[in-house]
Amino acid sequence: MRAQISLEFLLLLLAFLACFALLLPFYSSAYNAGIFALDSMNAKRFADSVKNSVEQLRFLGNGSSIEKTANPSLQWKIFSEKNTLFVSVKSASLGKEKIFSVIFPNEISFRETEFDSEKSFLVKKSSGLVSFENTD
C-alpha cells in the first residue's frame, strides 16, 4: 500500500515537472520581454534627465556641470551625430533595439560607448557650448 502511494506521488510529481518544462520557454521569453521593457524605460528616463541637464546648463555660467549615472540591465550604446545624442538599448535574446535621442543646442562629438553596467557621464558647459563626456 505504501509503495503504491509513493509511486503515485512520484508519477504526479513527474507530470507536474513535465508540464512546467513545457511552459518554461514561454516564461523565459516573457521574462526577457519584461526586462527589455523595464530597461527601455530606464534608458528613456536617462535620456530625459540628460535633456533636462542640457536645458539647465543653458541658463548657467561656463564651467557648470551635472553628473549623470546610467544603470543598465541590458546592453546600452551611447553615440552622437551632429547635435544629437542617442541612447540605444539592445536585447540580444529578443533581437530588439530601442533608441532614444537628446538634442543639444550645439554640435557635440561623443565617442561611441557600449556598456552593460553602471557608468557615469558629465554634462558640462564651457565656452558657451554644452558637451557630454564619459567620466569612467
C-alpha atoms as a PDB file:
ATOM      1  CA  MET A   1       0.000   0.000   0.000  1.00  0.00           C
ATOM      2  CA  ARG A   2       2.762   2.466   0.942  1.00  0.00           C
ATOM      3  CA  ALA A   3       4.739   1.595  -2.170  1.00  0.00           C
ATOM      4  CA  GLN A   4       1.697   2.315  -4.332  1.00  0.00           C
ATOM      5  CA  ILE A   5       1.181   5.751  -2.682  1.00  0.00           C
ATOM      6  CA  SER A   6       4.860   6.597  -3.135  1.00  0.00           C
ATOM      7  CA  LEU A   7       4.729   5.522  -6.776  1.00  0.00           C
ATOM      8  CA  GLU A   8       1.573   7.591  -7.392  1.00  0.00           C
ATOM      9  CA  PHE A   9       3.213  10.595  -5.733  1.00  0.00           C
ATOM     10  CA  LEU A  10       6.297  10.233  -7.944  1.00  0.00           C
ATOM     11  CA  LEU A  11       4.121   9.949 -11.073  1.00  0.00           C
ATOM     12  CA  LEU A  12       2.202  13.122 -10.115  1.00  0.00           C
ATOM     13  CA  LEU A  13       5.460  14.937  -9.405  1.00  0.00           C
ATOM     14  CA  LEU A  14       6.883  13.817 -12.744  1.00  0.00           C
ATOM     15  CA  ALA A  15       3.726  15.000 -14.572  1.00  0.00           C
ATOM     16  CA  PHE A  16       3.944  18.395 -12.837  1.00  0.00           C
ATOM     17  CA  LEU A  17       7.612  18.790 -13.767  1.00  0.00           C
ATOM     18  CA  ALA A  18       6.880  17.797 -17.376  1.00  0.00           C
ATOM     19  CA  CYS A  19       4.150  20.466 -17.615  1.00  0.00           C
ATOM     20  CA  PHE A  20       6.480  23.013 -16.059  1.00  0.00           C
ATOM     21  CA  ALA A  21       9.227  22.111 -18.549  1.00  0.00           C
ATOM     22  CA  LEU A  22       6.797  22.639 -21.446  1.00  0.00           C
ATOM     23  CA  LEU A  23       5.843  26.108 -20.158  1.00  0.00           C
ATOM     24  CA  LEU A  24       9.394  27.204 -19.356  1.00  0.00           C
ATOM     25  CA  PRO A  25      10.194  28.684 -22.822  1.00  0.00           C
ATOM     26  CA  PHE A  26       7.066  30.851 -22.591  1.00  0.00           C
ATOM     27  CA  TYR A  27       8.048  32.166 -19.163  1.00  0.00           C
ATOM     28  CA  SER A  28      11.606  32.757 -20.333  1.00  0.00           C
ATOM     29  CA  SER A  29      10.542  34.901 -23.300  1.00  0.00           C
ATOM     30  CA  ALA A  30       8.044  36.771 -21.118  1.00  0.00           C
ATOM     31  CA  TYR A  31      10.808  37.427 -18.581  1.00  0.00           C
ATOM     32  CA  ASN A  32      13.171  38.692 -21.318  1.00  0.00           C
ATOM     33  CA  ALA A  33      10.436  40.946 -22.732  1.00  0.00           C
ATOM     34  CA  GLY A  34       9.787  42.346 -19.257  1.00  0.00           C
ATOM     35  CA  ILE A  35      13.474  43.067 -18.668  1.00  0.00           C
ATOM     36  CA  PHE A  36      13.682  44.789 -22.078  1.00  0.00           C
ATOM     37  CA  ALA A  37      10.622  46.935 -21.304  1.00  0.00           C
ATOM     38  CA  LEU A  38      11.983  47.950 -17.892  1.00  0.00           C
ATOM     39  CA  ASP A  39      15.426  48.743 -19.263  1.00  0.00           C
ATOM     40  CA  SER A  40      13.874  50.735 -22.129  1.00  0.00           C
ATOM     41  CA  MET A  41      12.020  52.861 -19.576  1.00  0.00           C
ATOM     42  CA  ASN A  42      15.294  53.245 -17.661  1.00  0.00           C
ATOM     43  CA  ALA A  43      17.072  54.411 -20.842  1.00  0.00           C
ATOM     44  CA  LYS A  44      14.270  56.869 -21.633  1.00  0.00           C
ATOM     45  CA  ARG A  45      14.494  58.230 -18.096  1.00  0.00           C
ATOM     46  CA  PHE A  46      18.275  58.626 -18.502  1.00  0.00           C
ATOM     47  CA  ALA A  47      17.861  60.396 -21.866  1.00  0.00           C
ATOM     48  CA  ASP A  48      15.217  62.699 -20.361  1.00  0.00           C
ATOM     49  CA  SER A  49      17.493  63.533 -17.419  1.00  0.00           C
ATOM     50  CA  VAL A  50      20.321  64.414 -19.850  1.00  0.00           C
ATOM     51  CA  LYS A  51      17.861  66.604 -21.776  1.00  0.00           C
ATOM     52  CA  ASN A  52      16.848  68.368 -18.543  1.00  0.00           C
ATOM     53  CA  SER A  53      20.510  68.880 -17.661  1.00  0.00           C
ATOM     54  CA  VAL A  54      21.173  70.443 -21.071  1.00  0.00           C
ATOM     55  CA  GLU A  55      18.234  72.814 -20.525  1.00  0.00           C
ATOM     56  CA  GLN A  56      19.520  73.755 -17.059  1.00  0.00           C
ATOM     57  CA  LEU A  57      23.047  74.382 -18.316  1.00  0.00           C
ATOM     58  CA  ARG A  58      21.800  76.791 -20.970  1.00  0.00           C
ATOM     59  CA  PHE A  59      20.993  79.216 -18.122  1.00  0.00           C
ATOM     60  CA  LEU A  60      24.098  78.566 -16.024  1.00  0.00           C
ATOM     61  CA  GLY A  61      27.576  80.006 -16.479  1.00  0.00           C
ATOM     62  CA  ASN A  62      30.631  78.485 -18.114  1.00  0.00           C
ATOM     63  CA  GLY A  63      32.315  75.778 -16.041  1.00  0.00           C
ATOM     64  CA  SER A  64      28.991  74.413 -14.752  1.00  0.00           C
ATOM     65  CA  SER A  65      28.488  70.664 -14.932  1.00  0.00           C
ATOM     66  CA  ILE A  66      25.982  67.996 -13.931  1.00  0.00           C
ATOM     67  CA  GLU A  67      26.903  64.351 -13.373  1.00  0.00           C
ATOM     68  CA  LYS A  68      24.605  61.636 -14.731  1.00  0.00           C
ATOM     69  CA  THR A  69      24.756  57.924 -13.960  1.00  0.00           C
ATOM     70  CA  ALA A  70      23.369  55.187 -16.211  1.00  0.00           C
ATOM     71  CA  ASN A  71      22.341  51.847 -14.640  1.00  0.00           C
ATOM     72  CA  PRO A  72      21.552  49.410 -17.463  1.00  0.00           C
ATOM     73  CA  SER A  73      20.343  45.841 -17.122  1.00  0.00           C
ATOM     74  CA  LEU A  74      20.994  45.020 -20.776  1.00  0.00           C
ATOM     75  CA  GLN A  75      23.486  46.301 -23.369  1.00  0.00           C
ATOM     76  CA  TRP A  76      23.383  50.088 -23.868  1.00  0.00           C
ATOM     77  CA  LYS A  77      25.122  52.107 -26.547  1.00  0.00           C
ATOM     78  CA  ILE A  78      25.512  55.890 -26.438  1.00  0.00           C
ATOM     79  CA  PHE A  79      26.663  57.767 -29.545  1.00  0.00           C
ATOM     80  CA  SER A  80      26.248  61.152 -31.202  1.00  0.00           C
ATOM     81  CA  GLU A  81      25.575  62.581 -34.649  1.00  0.00           C
ATOM     82  CA  LYS A  82      25.913  66.351 -35.155  1.00  0.00           C
ATOM     83  CA  ASN A  83      23.882  67.910 -32.312  1.00  0.00           C
ATOM     84  CA  THR A  84      22.003  64.782 -31.221  1.00  0.00           C
ATOM     85  CA  LEU A  85      22.937  62.235 -28.562  1.00  0.00           C
ATOM     86  CA  PHE A  86      21.434  58.751 -28.920  1.00  0.00           C
ATOM     87  CA  VAL A  87      20.854  56.196 -26.158  1.00  0.00           C
ATOM     88  CA  SER A  88      20.261  52.696 -27.524  1.00  0.00           C
ATOM     89  CA  VAL A  89      19.031  49.634 -25.589  1.00  0.00           C
ATOM     90  CA  LYS A  90      19.571  46.227 -27.180  1.00  0.00           C
ATOM     91  CA  SER A  91      18.293  42.797 -26.168  1.00  0.00           C
ATOM     92  CA  ALA A  92      20.229  40.007 -27.863  1.00  0.00           C
ATOM     93  CA  SER A  93      17.787  37.319 -26.704  1.00  0.00           C
ATOM     94  CA  LEU A  94      14.778  39.137 -28.206  1.00  0.00           C
ATOM     95  CA  GLY A  95      16.610  40.641 -31.167  1.00  0.00           C
ATOM     96  CA  LYS A  96      15.128  44.065 -30.381  1.00  0.00           C
ATOM     97  CA  GLU A  97      16.629  47.521 -30.077  1.00  0.00           C
ATOM     98  CA  LYS A  98      15.123  50.791 -28.915  1.00  0.00           C
ATOM     99  CA  ILE A  99      16.746  54.203 -29.430  1.00  0.00           C
ATOM    100  CA  PHE A 100      16.119  57.458 -27.571  1.00  0.00           C
ATOM    101  CA  SER A 101      17.552  60.831 -28.581  1.00  0.00           C
ATOM    102  CA  VAL A 102      18.523  64.108 -26.917  1.00  0.00           C
ATOM    103  CA  ILE A 103      19.024  67.280 -28.967  1.00  0.00           C
ATOM    104  CA  PHE A 104      21.809  69.620 -27.837  1.00  0.00           C
ATOM    105  CA  PRO A 105      21.860  73.368 -28.628  1.00  0.00           C
ATOM    106  CA  ASN A 106      25.228  72.941 -30.346  1.00  0.00           C
ATOM    107  CA  GLU A 107      27.122  70.232 -32.228  1.00  0.00           C
ATOM    108  CA  ILE A 108      28.632  67.578 -29.953  1.00  0.00           C
ATOM    109  CA  SER A 109      31.205  64.913 -30.601  1.00  0.00           C
ATOM    110  CA  PHE A 110      30.882  61.945 -28.306  1.00  0.00           C
ATOM    111  CA  ARG A 111      32.812  58.769 -28.965  1.00  0.00           C
ATOM    112  CA  GLU A 112      30.523  55.729 -29.177  1.00  0.00           C
ATOM    113  CA  THR A 113      30.387  53.802 -25.895  1.00  0.00           C
ATOM    114  CA  GLU A 114      28.835  50.389 -25.225  1.00  0.00           C
ATOM    115  CA  PHE A 115      28.312  49.143 -21.672  1.00  0.00           C
ATOM    116  CA  ASP A 116      26.152  46.841 -19.569  1.00  0.00           C
ATOM    117  CA  SER A 117      26.983  48.026 -16.044  1.00  0.00           C
ATOM    118  CA  GLU A 118      26.839  51.314 -14.160  1.00  0.00           C
ATOM    119  CA  LYS A 119      28.619  54.172 -15.916  1.00  0.00           C
ATOM    120  CA  SER A 120      28.970  57.881 -15.122  1.00  0.00           C
ATOM    121  CA  PHE A 121      28.814  60.807 -17.536  1.00  0.00           C
ATOM    122  CA  LEU A 122      29.200  64.560 -17.258  1.00  0.00           C
ATOM    123  CA  VAL A 123      27.070  67.185 -18.979  1.00  0.00           C
ATOM    124  CA  LYS A 124      29.276  70.288 -18.993  1.00  0.00           C
ATOM    125  CA  LYS A 125      29.155  73.858 -20.236  1.00  0.00           C
ATOM    126  CA  SER A 126      32.369  75.568 -21.301  1.00  0.00           C
ATOM    127  CA  SER A 127      32.941  78.463 -23.700  1.00  0.00           C
ATOM    128  CA  GLY A 128      29.179  78.695 -24.187  1.00  0.00           C
ATOM    129  CA  LEU A 129      28.965  75.111 -25.556  1.00  0.00           C
ATOM    130  CA  VAL A 130      27.306  72.170 -23.840  1.00  0.00           C
ATOM    131  CA  SER A 131      29.179  68.848 -24.017  1.00  0.00           C
ATOM    132  CA  PHE A 132      28.610  65.251 -22.917  1.00  0.00           C
ATOM    133  CA  GLU A 133      31.617  63.365 -21.546  1.00  0.00           C
ATOM    134  CA  ASN A 134      32.416  59.907 -20.228  1.00  0.00           C
ATOM    135  CA  THR A 135      33.869  60.143 -16.691  1.00  0.00           C
ATOM    136  CA  ASP A 136      34.909  56.485 -16.255  1.00  0.00           C
END
